[in-house]
Each structure stands twice: as C-alpha cells, then as structure tokens.
C-alpha atoms as a PDB file:
ATOM      1  CA  UNK A   1       0.000   0.000   0.000  1.00  0.00           C
ATOM      2  CA  UNK A   2       2.812   2.442   0.847  1.00  0.00           C
ATOM      3  CA  UNK A   3       4.472   1.796  -2.508  1.00  0.00           C
ATOM      4  CA  UNK A   4       1.245   2.547  -4.325  1.00  0.00           C
ATOM      5  CA  UNK A   5       0.768   5.776  -2.352  1.00  0.00           C
ATOM      6  CA  UNK A   6       4.389   6.795  -2.950  1.00  0.00           C
ATOM      7  CA  UNK A   7       3.966   6.141  -6.679  1.00  0.00           C
ATOM      8  CA  UNK A   8       0.772   8.192  -6.794  1.00  0.00           C
ATOM      9  CA  UNK A   9       2.483  11.072  -4.981  1.00  0.00           C
ATOM     10  CA  UNK A  10       5.520  10.867  -7.270  1.00  0.00           C
ATOM     11  CA  UNK A  11       3.267  11.007 -10.328  1.00  0.00           C
ATOM     12  CA  UNK A  12       1.400  13.939  -8.799  1.00  0.00           C
ATOM     13  CA  UNK A  13       4.709  15.759  -8.296  1.00  0.00           C
ATOM     14  CA  UNK A  14       5.667  15.170 -11.903  1.00  0.00           C
ATOM     15  CA  UNK A  15       2.289  16.445 -13.116  1.00  0.00           C
ATOM     16  CA  UNK A  16       2.862  19.596 -11.057  1.00  0.00           C
ATOM     17  CA  UNK A  17       6.314  20.021 -12.578  1.00  0.00           C
ATOM     18  CA  UNK A  18       8.118  19.312  -9.318  1.00  0.00           C
ATOM     19  CA  UNK A  19      10.268  16.349 -10.230  1.00  0.00           C
ATOM     20  CA  UNK A  20      12.603  16.967  -7.285  1.00  0.00           C
ATOM     21  CA  UNK A  21       9.934  16.781  -4.595  1.00  0.00           C
ATOM     22  CA  UNK A  22      10.244  13.639  -2.528  1.00  0.00           C
ATOM     23  CA  UNK A  23       7.055  11.620  -2.004  1.00  0.00           C
ATOM     24  CA  UNK A  24       8.041  11.151   1.646  1.00  0.00           C
ATOM     25  CA  UNK A  25       8.180  14.937   2.035  1.00  0.00           C
ATOM     26  CA  UNK A  26       4.662  15.178   0.684  1.00  0.00           C
ATOM     27  CA  UNK A  27       3.494  12.517   3.133  1.00  0.00           C
ATOM     28  CA  UNK A  28       4.960  14.554   5.992  1.00  0.00           C
ATOM     29  CA  UNK A  29       3.149  17.598   4.691  1.00  0.00           C
ATOM     30  CA  UNK A  30      -0.163  15.792   4.964  1.00  0.00           C
ATOM     31  CA  UNK A  31       0.652  14.444   8.430  1.00  0.00           C
ATOM     32  CA  UNK A  32       1.594  17.834   9.940  1.00  0.00           C
ATOM     33  CA  UNK A  33      -1.498  19.813   8.947  1.00  0.00           C
ATOM     34  CA  UNK A  34       0.333  21.988   6.435  1.00  0.00           C
ATOM     35  CA  UNK A  35      -0.999  23.235   3.114  1.00  0.00           C
ATOM     36  CA  UNK A  36      -0.564  20.903   0.155  1.00  0.00           C
ATOM     37  CA  UNK A  37       2.348  21.711  -2.128  1.00  0.00           C
ATOM     38  CA  UNK A  38      -0.054  22.196  -5.045  1.00  0.00           C
ATOM     39  CA  UNK A  39      -1.737  25.070  -3.190  1.00  0.00           C
ATOM     40  CA  UNK A  40       1.609  26.727  -2.476  1.00  0.00           C
ATOM     41  CA  UNK A  41       2.630  26.402  -6.125  1.00  0.00           C
ATOM     42  CA  UNK A  42      -0.658  27.957  -7.242  1.00  0.00           C
ATOM     43  CA  UNK A  43      -0.060  30.916  -4.910  1.00  0.00           C
ATOM     44  CA  UNK A  44       3.445  31.422  -6.269  1.00  0.00           C
ATOM     45  CA  UNK A  45       2.172  31.092  -9.838  1.00  0.00           C
ATOM     46  CA  UNK A  46      -0.332  33.898  -9.308  1.00  0.00           C
ATOM     47  CA  UNK A  47       2.456  36.239  -8.312  1.00  0.00           C
ATOM     48  CA  UNK A  48       5.139  34.974 -10.702  1.00  0.00           C
ATOM     49  CA  UNK A  49       3.817  33.186 -13.805  1.00  0.00           C
ATOM     50  CA  UNK A  50       6.043  30.191 -14.517  1.00  0.00           C
ATOM     51  CA  UNK A  51       6.642  26.773 -12.976  1.00  0.00           C
ATOM     52  CA  UNK A  52       8.485  25.003 -10.178  1.00  0.00           C
ATOM     53  CA  UNK A  53      11.874  23.454 -10.796  1.00  0.00           C
ATOM     54  CA  UNK A  54      12.236  21.949  -7.323  1.00  0.00           C
ATOM     55  CA  UNK A  55      10.470  22.058  -3.968  1.00  0.00           C
ATOM     56  CA  UNK A  56      11.079  20.837  -0.456  1.00  0.00           C
ATOM     57  CA  UNK A  57       9.384  20.988   2.902  1.00  0.00           C
ATOM     58  CA  UNK A  58      11.740  22.284   5.607  1.00  0.00           C
ATOM     59  CA  UNK A  59      10.755  21.055   9.067  1.00  0.00           C
ATOM     60  CA  UNK A  60      13.258  22.986  11.203  1.00  0.00           C
ATOM     61  CA  UNK A  61      11.307  25.375  13.430  1.00  0.00           C
ATOM     62  CA  UNK A  62       8.101  26.476  11.745  1.00  0.00           C
ATOM     63  CA  UNK A  63       7.561  24.372   8.610  1.00  0.00           C
ATOM     64  CA  UNK A  64       8.233  26.163   5.343  1.00  0.00           C
ATOM     65  CA  UNK A  65       8.334  25.243   1.697  1.00  0.00           C
ATOM     66  CA  UNK A  66      11.373  26.275  -0.320  1.00  0.00           C
ATOM     67  CA  UNK A  67      10.623  26.367  -4.001  1.00  0.00           C
ATOM     68  CA  UNK A  68      12.978  26.989  -6.895  1.00  0.00           C
ATOM     69  CA  UNK A  69      10.772  28.792  -9.428  1.00  0.00           C
ATOM     70  CA  UNK A  70      11.416  29.546 -13.102  1.00  0.00           C
ATOM     71  CA  UNK A  71       9.390  32.564 -14.133  1.00  0.00           C
ATOM     72  CA  UNK A  72       8.144  33.209 -17.642  1.00  0.00           C
ATOM     73  CA  UNK A  73      10.581  36.141 -17.625  1.00  0.00           C
ATOM     74  CA  UNK A  74      13.431  33.590 -17.513  1.00  0.00           C
ATOM     75  CA  UNK A  75      14.463  34.413 -13.947  1.00  0.00           C
ATOM     76  CA  UNK A  76      14.997  31.656 -11.385  1.00  0.00           C
ATOM     77  CA  UNK A  77      13.750  32.609  -7.945  1.00  0.00           C
ATOM     78  CA  UNK A  78      14.052  30.971  -4.547  1.00  0.00           C
ATOM     79  CA  UNK A  79      10.651  31.329  -2.895  1.00  0.00           C
ATOM     80  CA  UNK A  80      10.045  30.539   0.765  1.00  0.00           C
ATOM     81  CA  UNK A  81       6.446  30.067   1.893  1.00  0.00           C
ATOM     82  CA  UNK A  82       4.921  29.353   5.292  1.00  0.00           C
ATOM     83  CA  UNK A  83       3.707  25.750   5.054  1.00  0.00           C
ATOM     84  CA  UNK A  84       0.763  26.278   7.411  1.00  0.00           C
ATOM     85  CA  UNK A  85      -0.635  29.589   6.153  1.00  0.00           C
ATOM     86  CA  UNK A  86       0.589  29.452   2.553  1.00  0.00           C
ATOM     87  CA  UNK A  87       1.908  33.023   2.822  1.00  0.00           C
ATOM     88  CA  UNK A  88       4.983  33.862   0.743  1.00  0.00           C
ATOM     89  CA  UNK A  89       7.694  34.858   3.226  1.00  0.00           C
ATOM     90  CA  UNK A  90      10.710  35.587   1.011  1.00  0.00           C
ATOM     91  CA  UNK A  91      11.643  35.801  -2.658  1.00  0.00           C
ATOM     92  CA  UNK A  92      15.255  35.878  -3.802  1.00  0.00           C
END
C-alpha cells in the first residue's frame, strides 16, 4: 500500500512540474497539517507566472516550503512560503 501511495504522490509531483519533490516529504506535509504543495505552487504562480523546478518541505522550526521557481521572464527565484498559512515569506 505504501508503494502505491508513494507512486501516486511521485506522479502527482511530476504532473505539477516538481520532479525533485520527494514523495516522503509530501506525506509529511499531509501528516503535519500543512498546506498541500499544489496550493503553495498555485499561490506562487499567481504572483510569478512560470513553474516550479524543485520544492522541499523544511521542518526545522516552523515548517516552510522552499521552491525553486522559473518565471516566464526567464528568472529563477528561490521562494520561501509558510507551510501552514501558505503566505509567501521571502523571494530571492
């Protein structure tokens, strides 16, 4: 059952354009009452049209998502978002 769930999550990551996201990270996201990665990516996409290159859930202190984002303008940004609220905290 775990393998099937991991495969489904991996396929979901690929469909979202986040090939680097680990299925285990996504499982942790569901277990800790944080926003789904897809919701975070949608929020980022509204502000910066483009797509994710990589994403990870950072669990040190307050959980955050760190997303490497390629904008339609060709710029790569490092976006940090609060994993519980979905608020964008930092863009570099």
